[in-house]
PDB file of N, CA and C in Angstrom:
ATOM      1  N   ARG A   1      29.090 -17.190  -1.262  1.00  0.00           N
ATOM      2  CA  ARG A   1      28.995 -18.351  -1.576  1.00  0.00           C
ATOM      3  C   ARG A   1      29.608 -18.130  -3.243  1.00  0.00           C
ATOM      4  N   PHE A   2      30.316 -19.088  -3.880  1.00  0.00           N
ATOM      5  CA  PHE A   2      30.818 -19.204  -5.308  1.00  0.00           C
ATOM      6  C   PHE A   2      29.899 -19.723  -6.339  1.00  0.00           C
ATOM      7  N   LEU A   3      29.042 -18.806  -7.325  1.00  0.00           N
ATOM      8  CA  LEU A   3      28.569 -19.239  -8.280  1.00  0.00           C
ATOM      9  C   LEU A   3      29.355 -19.309  -9.695  1.00  0.00           C
ATOM     10  N   PRO A   4      29.542 -20.746  -9.878  1.00  0.00           N
ATOM     11  CA  PRO A   4      29.962 -20.667 -11.234  1.00  0.00           C
ATOM     12  C   PRO A   4      28.990 -20.208 -12.379  1.00  0.00           C
ATOM     13  N   VAL A   5      29.933 -19.859 -13.274  1.00  0.00           N
ATOM     14  CA  VAL A   5      29.110 -19.445 -14.612  1.00  0.00           C
ATOM     15  C   VAL A   5      29.914 -19.849 -15.898  1.00  0.00           C
ATOM     16  N   LYS A   6      29.387 -21.295 -16.231  1.00  0.00           N
ATOM     17  CA  LYS A   6      30.097 -22.050 -17.531  1.00  0.00           C
ATOM     18  C   LYS A   6      29.266 -21.722 -18.893  1.00  0.00           C
ATOM     19  N   ALA A   7      28.067 -21.402 -18.598  1.00  0.00           N
ATOM     20  CA  ALA A   7      27.043 -21.301 -19.874  1.00  0.00           C
ATOM     21  C   ALA A   7      26.314 -19.937 -19.676  1.00  0.00           C
ATOM     22  N   THR A   8      25.644 -19.619 -20.796  1.00  0.00           N
ATOM     23  CA  THR A   8      24.823 -18.486 -20.649  1.00  0.00           C
ATOM     24  C   THR A   8      23.918 -18.768 -19.937  1.00  0.00           C
ATOM     25  N   SER A   9      23.094 -20.015 -19.876  1.00  0.00           N
ATOM     26  CA  SER A   9      21.988 -20.297 -18.853  1.00  0.00           C
ATOM     27  C   SER A   9      22.438 -20.054 -17.217  1.00  0.00           C
ATOM     28  N   ASP A  10      23.646 -20.366 -17.258  1.00  0.00           N
ATOM     29  CA  ASP A  10      24.210 -20.076 -15.696  1.00  0.00           C
ATOM     30  C   ASP A  10      24.152 -18.442 -15.656  1.00  0.00           C
ATOM     31  N   LEU A  11      24.604 -17.939 -16.561  1.00  0.00           N
ATOM     32  CA  LEU A  11      24.830 -16.307 -16.681  1.00  0.00           C
ATOM     33  C   LEU A  11      23.346 -15.714 -16.352  1.00  0.00           C
ATOM     34  N   GLN A  12      22.325 -16.246 -16.884  1.00  0.00           N
ATOM     35  CA  GLN A  12      20.739 -15.797 -16.908  1.00  0.00           C
ATOM     36  C   GLN A  12      20.376 -16.065 -15.450  1.00  0.00           C
ATOM     37  N   LEU A  13      20.864 -17.375 -14.685  1.00  0.00           N
ATOM     38  CA  LEU A  13      20.505 -17.502 -13.473  1.00  0.00           C
ATOM     39  C   LEU A  13      21.225 -16.429 -12.540  1.00  0.00           C
ATOM     40  N   VAL A  14      22.520 -15.905 -12.506  1.00  0.00           N
ATOM     41  CA  VAL A  14      23.347 -15.010 -11.725  1.00  0.00           C
ATOM     42  C   VAL A  14      22.964 -13.701 -12.089  1.00  0.00           C
ATOM     43  N   GLN A  15      22.237 -13.265 -13.330  1.00  0.00           N
ATOM     44  CA  GLN A  15      21.751 -11.851 -13.647  1.00  0.00           C
ATOM     45  C   GLN A  15      20.473 -11.587 -13.264  1.00  0.00           C
ATOM     46  N   SER A  16      19.593 -12.636 -12.756  1.00  0.00           N
ATOM     47  CA  SER A  16      18.067 -12.546 -12.690  1.00  0.00           C
ATOM     48  C   SER A  16      17.907 -12.193 -11.218  1.00  0.00           C
ATOM     49  N   ASP A  17      16.481 -12.293 -10.972  1.00  0.00           N
ATOM     50  CA  ASP A  17      16.084 -12.049  -9.553  1.00  0.00           C
ATOM     51  C   ASP A  17      16.351 -13.136  -8.583  1.00  0.00           C
ATOM     52  N   LEU A  18      17.019 -14.247  -9.017  1.00  0.00           N
ATOM     53  CA  LEU A  18      16.986 -15.483  -8.147  1.00  0.00           C
ATOM     54  C   LEU A  18      17.878 -15.275  -7.379  1.00  0.00           C
ATOM     55  N   TYR A  19      18.806 -14.295  -7.452  1.00  0.00           N
ATOM     56  CA  TYR A  19      20.250 -14.043  -6.634  1.00  0.00           C
ATOM     57  C   TYR A  19      20.233 -12.570  -6.338  1.00  0.00           C
ATOM     58  N   THR A  20      20.450 -12.216  -5.270  1.00  0.00           N
ATOM     59  CA  THR A  20      20.728 -10.871  -4.907  1.00  0.00           C
ATOM     60  C   THR A  20      22.016 -10.549  -4.068  1.00  0.00           C
ATOM     61  N   LEU A  21      22.429  -9.149  -4.221  1.00  0.00           N
ATOM     62  CA  LEU A  21      23.760  -8.911  -3.829  1.00  0.00           C
ATOM     63  C   LEU A  21      23.706  -8.275  -2.401  1.00  0.00           C
ATOM     64  N   VAL A  22      23.964  -8.738  -1.552  1.00  0.00           N
ATOM     65  CA  VAL A  22      23.969  -8.051  -0.062  1.00  0.00           C
ATOM     66  C   VAL A  22      25.357  -8.094   0.705  1.00  0.00           C
ATOM     67  N   ASP A  23      25.658  -6.807   0.935  1.00  0.00           N
ATOM     68  CA  ASP A  23      27.081  -6.410   1.557  1.00  0.00           C
ATOM     69  C   ASP A  23      28.221  -7.281   0.797  1.00  0.00           C
ATOM     70  N   GLY A  24      28.216  -7.076  -0.631  1.00  0.00           N
ATOM     71  CA  GLY A  24      29.204  -7.617  -1.557  1.00  0.00           C
ATOM     72  C   GLY A  24      29.061  -9.234  -1.653  1.00  0.00           C
ATOM     73  N   PHE A  25      28.067  -9.732  -0.993  1.00  0.00           N
ATOM     74  CA  PHE A  25      28.141 -11.261  -1.425  1.00  0.00           C
ATOM     75  C   PHE A  25      26.729 -11.721  -2.446  1.00  0.00           C
ATOM     76  N   VAL A  26      26.902 -12.612  -2.950  1.00  0.00           N
ATOM     77  CA  VAL A  26      25.735 -13.044  -3.654  1.00  0.00           C
ATOM     78  C   VAL A  26      24.945 -13.902  -2.976  1.00  0.00           C
ATOM     79  N   THR A  27      23.589 -13.884  -2.682  1.00  0.00           N
ATOM     80  CA  THR A  27      22.765 -14.432  -1.935  1.00  0.00           C
ATOM     81  C   THR A  27      21.371 -14.982  -2.639  1.00  0.00           C
ATOM     82  N   ARG A  28      20.783 -15.982  -2.365  1.00  0.00           N
ATOM     83  CA  ARG A  28      19.666 -16.320  -2.705  1.00  0.00           C
ATOM     84  C   ARG A  28      18.491 -15.688  -2.529  1.00  0.00           C
ATOM     85  N   ASN A  29      17.466 -15.391  -3.547  1.00  0.00           N
ATOM     86  CA  ASN A  29      16.580 -14.437  -3.207  1.00  0.00           C
ATOM     87  C   ASN A  29      15.513 -15.435  -2.283  1.00  0.00           C
ATOM     88  N   SER A  30      15.322 -14.749  -1.014  1.00  0.00           N
ATOM     89  CA  SER A  30      14.443 -15.396   0.085  1.00  0.00           C
ATOM     90  C   SER A  30      13.142 -15.533  -0.357  1.00  0.00           C
ATOM     91  N   ALA A  31      12.547 -14.988  -1.338  1.00  0.00           N
ATOM     92  CA  ALA A  31      11.267 -15.225  -2.121  1.00  0.00           C
ATOM     93  C   ALA A  31      10.918 -16.699  -2.592  1.00  0.00           C
ATOM     94  N   ARG A  32      11.990 -17.136  -3.200  1.00  0.00           N
ATOM     95  CA  ARG A  32      11.917 -18.442  -4.043  1.00  0.00           C
ATOM     96  C   ARG A  32      11.871 -19.599  -2.993  1.00  0.00           C
ATOM     97  N   THR A  33      10.697 -20.358  -2.943  1.00  0.00           N
ATOM     98  CA  THR A  33      10.251 -21.222  -2.173  1.00  0.00           C
ATOM     99  C   THR A  33      10.809 -22.754  -2.562  1.00  0.00           C
ATOM    100  N   ASN A  34      11.121 -22.817  -3.672  1.00  0.00           N
ATOM    101  CA  ASN A  34      11.620 -24.111  -4.295  1.00  0.00           C
ATOM    102  C   ASN A  34      13.239 -24.073  -4.145  1.00  0.00           C
ATOM    103  N   PRO A  35      13.698 -25.138  -3.347  1.00  0.00           N
ATOM    104  CA  PRO A  35      15.120 -24.926  -3.167  1.00  0.00           C
ATOM    105  C   PRO A  35      16.363 -25.180  -4.234  1.00  0.00           C
ATOM    106  N   SER A  36      15.699 -25.726  -5.651  1.00  0.00           N
ATOM    107  CA  SER A  36      16.294 -25.901  -6.436  1.00  0.00           C
ATOM    108  C   SER A  36      16.174 -24.561  -7.462  1.00  0.00           C
ATOM    109  N   ASN A  37      17.380 -24.507  -8.361  1.00  0.00           N
ATOM    110  CA  ASN A  37      17.471 -23.579  -9.058  1.00  0.00           C
ATOM    111  C   ASN A  37      16.822 -23.937 -10.465  1.00  0.00           C
ATOM    112  N   PRO A  38      15.906 -23.111 -11.074  1.00  0.00           N
ATOM    113  CA  PRO A  38      15.402 -23.276 -12.384  1.00  0.00           C
ATOM    114  C   PRO A  38      16.199 -23.984 -13.469  1.00  0.00           C
ATOM    115  N   SER A  39      15.679 -25.201 -14.107  1.00  0.00           N
ATOM    116  CA  SER A  39      16.391 -25.737 -15.169  1.00  0.00           C
ATOM    117  C   SER A  39      15.810 -24.976 -16.468  1.00  0.00           C
ATOM    118  N   ILE A  40      17.274 -24.389 -17.034  1.00  0.00           N
ATOM    119  CA  ILE A  40      16.972 -23.728 -18.098  1.00  0.00           C
ATOM    120  C   ILE A  40      17.976 -24.008 -19.305  1.00  0.00           C
ATOM    121  N   GLU A  41      17.363 -24.302 -20.412  1.00  0.00           N
ATOM    122  CA  GLU A  41      18.220 -24.912 -21.294  1.00  0.00           C
ATOM    123  C   GLU A  41      17.762 -23.613 -22.476  1.00  0.00           C
ATOM    124  N   LEU A  42      18.986 -23.140 -22.856  1.00  0.00           N
ATOM    125  CA  LEU A  42      19.170 -22.193 -23.944  1.00  0.00           C
ATOM    126  C   LEU A  42      19.651 -22.630 -25.666  1.00  0.00           C
ATOM    127  N   GLY A  43      19.048 -22.511 -26.447  1.00  0.00           N
ATOM    128  CA  GLY A  43      19.484 -23.070 -27.901  1.00  0.00           C
ATOM    129  C   GLY A  43      20.728 -22.181 -28.110  1.00  0.00           C
ATOM    130  N   PRO A  44      21.181 -22.748 -29.554  1.00  0.00           N
ATOM    131  CA  PRO A  44      22.553 -22.064 -30.054  1.00  0.00           C
ATOM    132  C   PRO A  44      22.628 -20.625 -30.084  1.00  0.00           C
ATOM    133  N   GLU A  45      21.415 -20.309 -30.591  1.00  0.00           N
ATOM    134  CA  GLU A  45      21.148 -18.595 -30.769  1.00  0.00           C
ATOM    135  C   GLU A  45      21.800 -17.845 -29.423  1.00  0.00           C
ATOM    136  N   PHE A  46      21.783 -18.600 -28.176  1.00  0.00           N
ATOM    137  CA  PHE A  46      21.953 -18.046 -27.113  1.00  0.00           C
ATOM    138  C   PHE A  46      23.475 -18.311 -26.408  1.00  0.00           C
ATOM    139  N   LYS A  47      24.230 -18.863 -27.217  1.00  0.00           N
ATOM    140  CA  LYS A  47      25.424 -19.419 -26.739  1.00  0.00           C
ATOM    141  C   LYS A  47      26.358 -18.535 -26.544  1.00  0.00           C
ATOM    142  N   LYS A  48      26.641 -17.749 -27.092  1.00  0.00           N
ATOM    143  CA  LYS A  48      27.658 -16.802 -27.113  1.00  0.00           C
ATOM    144  C   LYS A  48      27.115 -15.526 -26.453  1.00  0.00           C
ATOM    145  N   VAL A  49      27.949 -15.034 -25.296  1.00  0.00           N
ATOM    146  CA  VAL A  49      27.488 -13.680 -24.433  1.00  0.00           C
ATOM    147  C   VAL A  49      26.807 -12.660 -25.234  1.00  0.00           C
ATOM    148  N   GLY A  50      27.452 -12.181 -26.064  1.00  0.00           N
ATOM    149  CA  GLY A  50      26.911 -11.020 -26.743  1.00  0.00           C
ATOM    150  C   GLY A  50      25.594 -11.154 -27.401  1.00  0.00           C
ATOM    151  N   SER A  51      25.439 -12.603 -28.291  1.00  0.00           N
ATOM    152  CA  SER A  51      24.135 -12.993 -28.588  1.00  0.00           C
ATOM    153  C   SER A  51      23.107 -13.216 -27.569  1.00  0.00           C
ATOM    154  N   PHE A  52      23.260 -13.729 -26.605  1.00  0.00           N
ATOM    155  CA  PHE A  52      22.623 -13.677 -25.269  1.00  0.00           C
ATOM    156  C   PHE A  52      22.202 -12.474 -24.785  1.00  0.00           C
ATOM    157  N   LEU A  53      22.930 -11.581 -24.509  1.00  0.00           N
ATOM    158  CA  LEU A  53      22.635 -10.379 -24.138  1.00  0.00           C
ATOM    159  C   LEU A  53      21.814  -9.418 -24.878  1.00  0.00           C
ATOM    160  N   GLY A  54      22.085  -9.644 -26.120  1.00  0.00           N
ATOM    161  CA  GLY A  54      21.353  -8.982 -27.319  1.00  0.00           C
ATOM    162  C   GLY A  54      19.883  -9.526 -27.575  1.00  0.00           C
ATOM    163  N   ARG A  55      19.652 -10.462 -26.952  1.00  0.00           N
ATOM    164  CA  ARG A  55      18.215 -11.369 -27.045  1.00  0.00           C
ATOM    165  C   ARG A  55      17.280 -10.728 -25.832  1.00  0.00           C
ATOM    166  N   PHE A  56      17.892 -10.085 -25.140  1.00  0.00           N
ATOM    167  CA  PHE A  56      16.975  -9.597 -24.016  1.00  0.00           C
ATOM    168  C   PHE A  56      17.223  -7.833 -23.589  1.00  0.00           C
ATOM    169  N   LYS A  57      15.941  -7.478 -23.638  1.00  0.00           N
ATOM    170  CA  LYS A  57      15.915  -5.969 -23.243  1.00  0.00           C
ATOM    171  C   LYS A  57      16.268  -5.705 -21.935  1.00  0.00           C
ATOM    172  N   SER A  58      15.613  -6.883 -20.969  1.00  0.00           N
ATOM    173  CA  SER A  58      16.308  -6.973 -19.556  1.00  0.00           C
ATOM    174  C   SER A  58      16.247  -8.363 -19.023  1.00  0.00           C
ATOM    175  N   ILE A  59      16.989  -8.827 -18.015  1.00  0.00           N
ATOM    176  CA  ILE A  59      16.688 -10.090 -17.638  1.00  0.00           C
ATOM    177  C   ILE A  59      15.533 -10.635 -17.153  1.00  0.00           C
ATOM    178  N   PRO A  60      14.571 -11.361 -17.519  1.00  0.00           N
ATOM    179  CA  PRO A  60      13.322 -11.910 -16.919  1.00  0.00           C
ATOM    180  C   PRO A  60      13.462 -12.057 -15.321  1.00  0.00           C
ATOM    181  N   SER A  61      12.324 -11.705 -14.832  1.00  0.00           N
ATOM    182  CA  SER A  61      12.171 -12.377 -13.517  1.00  0.00           C
ATOM    183  C   SER A  61      12.111 -13.901 -13.179  1.00  0.00           C
ATOM    184  N   ILE A  62      12.633 -14.587 -12.626  1.00  0.00           N
ATOM    185  CA  ILE A  62      12.715 -16.133 -12.620  1.00  0.00           C
ATOM    186  C   ILE A  62      12.499 -16.826 -11.600  1.00  0.00           C
ATOM    187  N   PHE A  63      12.296 -15.960 -10.506  1.00  0.00           N
ATOM    188  CA  PHE A  63      12.194 -16.690  -8.987  1.00  0.00           C
ATOM    189  C   PHE A  63      11.148 -17.606  -8.777  1.00  0.00           C
ATOM    190  N   GLU A  64      10.206 -17.552  -9.713  1.00  0.00           N
ATOM    191  CA  GLU A  64       8.886 -18.374  -9.434  1.00  0.00           C
ATOM    192  C   GLU A  64       9.029 -19.595 -10.805  1.00  0.00           C
ATOM    193  N   LEU A  65      10.037 -19.720 -11.581  1.00  0.00           N
ATOM    194  CA  LEU A  65      10.235 -20.537 -12.535  1.00  0.00           C
ATOM    195  C   LEU A  65      10.865 -22.042 -12.024  1.00  0.00           C
ATOM    196  N   ASP A  66      10.312 -22.873 -12.683  1.00  0.00           N
ATOM    197  CA  ASP A  66      10.853 -24.351 -12.444  1.00  0.00           C
ATOM    198  C   ASP A  66      11.863 -24.633 -13.375  1.00  0.00           C
ATOM    199  N   SER A  67      11.183 -24.537 -14.733  1.00  0.00           N
ATOM    200  CA  SER A  67      12.102 -24.983 -16.064  1.00  0.00           C
ATOM    201  C   SER A  67      11.755 -24.032 -17.387  1.00  0.00           C
ATOM    202  N   LEU A  68      12.583 -24.108 -18.124  1.00  0.00           N
ATOM    203  CA  LEU A  68      12.524 -23.115 -19.266  1.00  0.00           C
ATOM    204  C   LEU A  68      13.216 -23.886 -20.198  1.00  0.00           C
ATOM    205  N   LYS A  69      12.905 -23.824 -21.616  1.00  0.00           N
ATOM    206  CA  LYS A  69      13.714 -24.231 -22.689  1.00  0.00           C
ATOM    207  C   LYS A  69      13.385 -23.271 -23.956  1.00  0.00           C
ATOM    208  N   VAL A  70      14.286 -22.674 -24.307  1.00  0.00           N
ATOM    209  CA  VAL A  70      14.350 -21.673 -25.596  1.00  0.00           C
ATOM    210  C   VAL A  70      15.174 -22.124 -26.525  1.00  0.00           C
ATOM    211  N   SER A  71      14.689 -22.175 -27.770  1.00  0.00           N
ATOM    212  CA  SER A  71      15.457 -22.618 -29.142  1.00  0.00           C
ATOM    213  C   SER A  71      14.893 -21.690 -30.364  1.00  0.00           C
ATOM    214  N   GLY A  72      15.604 -21.244 -31.144  1.00  0.00           N
ATOM    215  CA  GLY A  72      15.167 -20.521 -32.315  1.00  0.00           C
ATOM    216  C   GLY A  72      15.527 -19.213 -32.272  1.00  0.00           C
ATOM    217  N   ASP A  73      14.817 -18.096 -33.011  1.00  0.00           N
ATOM    218  CA  ASP A  73      15.152 -16.973 -32.940  1.00  0.00           C
ATOM    219  C   ASP A  73      14.151 -16.136 -32.107  1.00  0.00           C
ATOM    220  N   VAL A  74      14.400 -16.292 -30.772  1.00  0.00           N
ATOM    221  CA  VAL A  74      13.381 -15.728 -29.873  1.00  0.00           C
ATOM    222  C   VAL A  74      14.156 -14.750 -29.092  1.00  0.00           C
ATOM    223  N   TRP A  75      13.351 -13.551 -28.653  1.00  0.00           N
ATOM    224  CA  TRP A  75      13.646 -12.106 -28.137  1.00  0.00           C
ATOM    225  C   TRP A  75      12.814 -11.861 -27.082  1.00  0.00           C
ATOM    226  N   PHE A  76      13.447 -11.688 -26.096  1.00  0.00           N
ATOM    227  CA  PHE A  76      12.438 -11.107 -24.801  1.00  0.00           C
ATOM    228  C   PHE A  76      12.525  -9.681 -24.608  1.00  0.00           C
ATOM    229  N   GLY A  77      11.284  -9.176 -24.555  1.00  0.00           N
ATOM    230  CA  GLY A  77      11.250  -7.593 -24.387  1.00  0.00           C
ATOM    231  C   GLY A  77      11.596  -7.403 -22.684  1.00  0.00           C
ATOM    232  N   SER A  78      11.183  -5.993 -22.150  1.00  0.00           N
ATOM    233  CA  SER A  78      11.662  -5.754 -20.901  1.00  0.00           C
ATOM    234  C   SER A  78      10.386  -6.125 -20.243  1.00  0.00           C
ATOM    235  N   GLY A  79      10.458  -6.182 -18.713  1.00  0.00           N
ATOM    236  CA  GLY A  79       9.277  -6.719 -17.821  1.00  0.00           C
ATOM    237  C   GLY A  79       8.967  -7.988 -17.878  1.00  0.00           C
ATOM    238  N   ILE A  80       9.536  -8.819 -18.484  1.00  0.00           N
ATOM    239  CA  ILE A  80       8.960 -10.094 -18.407  1.00  0.00           C
ATOM    240  C   ILE A  80       9.410 -10.841 -17.321  1.00  0.00           C
ATOM    241  N   VAL A  81       8.249 -11.666 -16.682  1.00  0.00           N
ATOM    242  CA  VAL A  81       7.930 -12.639 -15.558  1.00  0.00           C
ATOM    243  C   VAL A  81       7.898 -13.887 -16.143  1.00  0.00           C
ATOM    244  N   LEU A  82       8.783 -14.715 -15.931  1.00  0.00           N
ATOM    245  CA  LEU A  82       8.758 -16.296 -16.232  1.00  0.00           C
ATOM    246  C   LEU A  82       8.234 -17.195 -15.061  1.00  0.00           C
ATOM    247  N   LYS A  83       7.034 -17.835 -15.103  1.00  0.00           N
ATOM    248  CA  LYS A  83       6.811 -18.728 -14.043  1.00  0.00           C
ATOM    249  C   LYS A  83       6.345 -19.859 -14.362  1.00  0.00           C
ATOM    250  N   VAL A  84       6.687 -21.015 -13.163  1.00  0.00           N
ATOM    251  CA  VAL A  84       6.263 -22.343 -13.167  1.00  0.00           C
ATOM    252  C   VAL A  84       6.956 -22.978 -14.204  1.00  0.00           C
ATOM    253  N   HIS A  85       6.300 -23.870 -15.070  1.00  0.00           N
ATOM    254  CA  HIS A  85       7.007 -24.654 -15.991  1.00  0.00           C
ATOM    255  C   HIS A  85       6.402 -24.458 -17.330  1.00  0.00           C
ATOM    256  N   LEU A  86       7.421 -23.922 -18.203  1.00  0.00           N
ATOM    257  CA  LEU A  86       7.184 -23.511 -19.579  1.00  0.00           C
ATOM    258  C   LEU A  86       7.400 -24.406 -20.702  1.00  0.00           C
ATOM    259  N   PRO A  87       6.439 -24.436 -21.644  1.00  0.00           N
ATOM    260  CA  PRO A  87       6.827 -25.343 -22.895  1.00  0.00           C
ATOM    261  C   PRO A  87       8.232 -24.612 -23.476  1.00  0.00           C
ATOM    262  N   LYS A  88       8.479 -25.490 -24.599  1.00  0.00           N
ATOM    263  CA  LYS A  88       9.467 -25.188 -25.106  1.00  0.00           C
ATOM    264  C   LYS A  88       9.200 -23.638 -26.263  1.00  0.00           C
ATOM    265  N   LEU A  89       9.779 -22.730 -25.794  1.00  0.00           N
ATOM    266  CA  LEU A  89       9.821 -21.764 -26.680  1.00  0.00           C
ATOM    267  C   LEU A  89      10.707 -21.654 -27.837  1.00  0.00           C
ATOM    268  N   GLN A  90      10.331 -21.506 -29.314  1.00  0.00           N
ATOM    269  CA  GLN A  90      10.985 -21.580 -30.263  1.00  0.00           C
ATOM    270  C   GLN A  90      10.400 -20.483 -31.502  1.00  0.00           C
ATOM    271  N   ASN A  91      11.168 -20.314 -32.423  1.00  0.00           N
ATOM    272  CA  ASN A  91      10.715 -19.311 -33.461  1.00  0.00           C
ATOM    273  C   ASN A  91       9.559 -20.021 -34.031  1.00  0.00           C
ATOM    274  N   SER A  92       8.452 -19.321 -33.774  1.00  0.00           N
ATOM    275  CA  SER A  92       7.277 -20.237 -34.224  1.00  0.00           C
ATOM    276  C   SER A  92       6.261 -18.760 -34.343  1.00  0.00           C
ATOM    277  N   TYR A  93       5.465 -18.765 -35.542  1.00  0.00           N
ATOM    278  CA  TYR A  93       4.486 -17.507 -35.587  1.00  0.00           C
ATOM    279  C   TYR A  93       3.400 -17.901 -34.758  1.00  0.00           C
ATOM    280  N   ASN A  94       3.206 -18.995 -34.152  1.00  0.00           N
ATOM    281  CA  ASN A  94       1.682 -19.324 -33.426  1.00  0.00           C
ATOM    282  C   ASN A  94       1.877 -18.988 -31.839  1.00  0.00           C
ATOM    283  N   ILE A  95       2.774 -18.255 -31.211  1.00  0.00           N
ATOM    284  CA  ILE A  95       3.099 -17.955 -30.247  1.00  0.00           C
ATOM    285  C   ILE A  95       2.368 -16.437 -30.050  1.00  0.00           C
ATOM    286  N   PRO A  96       1.168 -16.564 -29.188  1.00  0.00           N
ATOM    287  CA  PRO A  96       0.382 -15.275 -28.894  1.00  0.00           C
ATOM    288  C   PRO A  96       1.111 -14.507 -28.237  1.00  0.00           C
ATOM    289  N   LYS A  97       0.889 -13.147 -28.441  1.00  0.00           N
ATOM    290  CA  LYS A  97       1.499 -12.214 -27.805  1.00  0.00           C
ATOM    291  C   LYS A  97       0.413 -11.137 -26.844  1.00  0.00           C
ATOM    292  N   LEU A  98       0.791 -11.423 -25.578  1.00  0.00           N
ATOM    293  CA  LEU A  98       0.066 -10.568 -24.389  1.00  0.00           C
ATOM    294  C   LEU A  98       0.643  -9.516 -24.113  1.00  0.00           C
ATOM    295  N   GLN A  99      -0.241  -8.498 -23.447  1.00  0.00           N
ATOM    296  CA  GLN A  99      -0.049  -7.210 -22.950  1.00  0.00           C
ATOM    297  C   GLN A  99       0.557  -7.090 -21.607  1.00  0.00           C
ATOM    298  N   ASN A 100       0.519  -8.119 -20.986  1.00  0.00           N
ATOM    299  CA  ASN A 100       0.580  -8.304 -19.412  1.00  0.00           C
ATOM    300  C   ASN A 100       2.044  -8.642 -19.022  1.00  0.00           C
ATOM    301  N   ASN A 101       2.725  -8.645 -19.661  1.00  0.00           N
ATOM    302  CA  ASN A 101       4.440  -9.057 -19.656  1.00  0.00           C
ATOM    303  C   ASN A 101       4.532 -10.101 -18.652  1.00  0.00           C
ATOM    304  N   PHE A 102       3.585 -11.183 -18.614  1.00  0.00           N
ATOM    305  CA  PHE A 102       4.121 -12.431 -18.046  1.00  0.00           C
ATOM    306  C   PHE A 102       3.990 -13.387 -19.307  1.00  0.00           C
ATOM    307  N   LEU A 103       5.154 -14.411 -18.706  1.00  0.00           N
ATOM    308  CA  LEU A 103       5.127 -15.562 -19.645  1.00  0.00           C
ATOM    309  C   LEU A 103       5.114 -16.646 -18.566  1.00  0.00           C
ATOM    310  N   SER A 104       3.729 -17.411 -18.720  1.00  0.00           N
ATOM    311  CA  SER A 104       3.522 -18.462 -18.033  1.00  0.00           C
ATOM    312  C   SER A 104       3.184 -19.584 -18.563  1.00  0.00           C
ATOM    313  N   SER A 105       2.615 -20.806 -17.928  1.00  0.00           N
ATOM    314  CA  SER A 105       2.570 -21.992 -18.563  1.00  0.00           C
ATOM    315  C   SER A 105       1.469 -21.862 -19.437  1.00  0.00           C
ATOM    316  N   ASP A 106       0.567 -20.986 -19.723  1.00  0.00           N
ATOM    317  CA  ASP A 106      -0.370 -20.956 -20.432  1.00  0.00           C
ATOM    318  C   ASP A 106      -0.496 -19.353 -21.327  1.00  0.00           C
ATOM    319  N   LYS A 107       0.535 -18.562 -20.995  1.00  0.00           N
ATOM    320  CA  LYS A 107       0.528 -17.278 -21.579  1.00  0.00           C
ATOM    321  C   LYS A 107       1.944 -16.937 -21.932  1.00  0.00           C
ATOM    322  N   PHE A 108       2.115 -16.226 -23.118  1.00  0.00           N
ATOM    323  CA  PHE A 108       3.503 -16.168 -23.683  1.00  0.00           C
ATOM    324  C   PHE A 108       3.411 -14.604 -23.930  1.00  0.00           C
ATOM    325  N   HIS A 109       4.320 -13.998 -23.581  1.00  0.00           N
ATOM    326  CA  HIS A 109       4.875 -12.610 -24.115  1.00  0.00           C
ATOM    327  C   HIS A 109       6.231 -12.493 -24.320  1.00  0.00           C
ATOM    328  N   VAL A 110       6.598 -12.995 -25.632  1.00  0.00           N
ATOM    329  CA  VAL A 110       7.998 -12.773 -26.318  1.00  0.00           C
ATOM    330  C   VAL A 110       8.031 -11.985 -27.839  1.00  0.00           C
ATOM    331  N   PHE A 111       8.989 -11.621 -28.015  1.00  0.00           N
ATOM    332  CA  PHE A 111       9.317 -10.845 -29.173  1.00  0.00           C
ATOM    333  C   PHE A 111       9.910 -11.916 -30.267  1.00  0.00           C
ATOM    334  N   ILE A 112       9.290 -12.099 -31.206  1.00  0.00           N
ATOM    335  CA  ILE A 112       9.836 -13.046 -32.161  1.00  0.00           C
ATOM    336  C   ILE A 112      10.458 -12.216 -33.544  1.00  0.00           C
ATOM    337  N   ARG A 113      11.705 -12.162 -33.906  1.00  0.00           N
ATOM    338  CA  ARG A 113      12.102 -11.534 -35.242  1.00  0.00           C
ATOM    339  C   ARG A 113      11.548 -12.570 -36.127  1.00  0.00           C
ATOM    340  N   ARG A 114      10.922 -12.086 -37.158  1.00  0.00           N
ATOM    341  CA  ARG A 114      10.435 -12.574 -38.220  1.00  0.00           C
ATOM    342  C   ARG A 114      11.816 -12.651 -39.407  1.00  0.00           C
ATOM    343  N   PRO A 115      11.834 -13.961 -39.797  1.00  0.00           N
ATOM    344  CA  PRO A 115      12.916 -14.089 -40.894  1.00  0.00           C
ATOM    345  C   PRO A 115      12.552 -13.097 -42.072  1.00  0.00           C
ATOM    346  N   HIS A 116      13.534 -12.475 -42.571  1.00  0.00           N
ATOM    347  CA  HIS A 116      13.363 -11.578 -43.762  1.00  0.00           C
ATOM    348  C   HIS A 116      13.261 -12.471 -45.006  1.00  0.00           C
ATOM    349  N   VAL A 117      12.358 -12.162 -45.761  1.00  0.00           N
ATOM    350  CA  VAL A 117      12.168 -13.363 -47.083  1.00  0.00           C
ATOM    351  C   VAL A 117      12.428 -11.935 -48.404  1.00  0.00           C
ATOM    352  N   SER A 118      13.216 -12.375 -49.322  1.00  0.00           N
ATOM    353  CA  SER A 118      13.355 -11.745 -50.263  1.00  0.00           C
ATOM    354  C   SER A 118      13.157 -12.475 -51.611  1.00  0.00           C
ATOM    355  N   CYS A 119      12.205 -11.799 -52.515  1.00  0.00           N
ATOM    356  CA  CYS A 119      11.867 -12.787 -53.589  1.00  0.00           C
ATOM    357  C   CYS A 119      12.623 -12.169 -54.975  1.00  0.00           C
TER     358      CYS A 119
END
């Protein structure tokens, strides 16, 4: 099946564990129970492919994700698992950091680059 990639949010879907490569064909991960693709909205910081790729140490697991909105200076570490419906992630100092590498509706594990302030 042909999977169009028109935006970096599409690229995230194709590069994730939502799809697998079997005998040279891209197929849907059978572990996903929801027949729809996750809704992913990425802010302008993720628009260019180079910027998008630079913000992920590795593409997060999303086969259990329903929706995600990300904006601002957000960076993802490796081994991240995104689950269910997530609130909007943005450059914010109050996003708690957890050590279990899961990002779910009530738990966050993202890396935020702090703005440089010079006086």
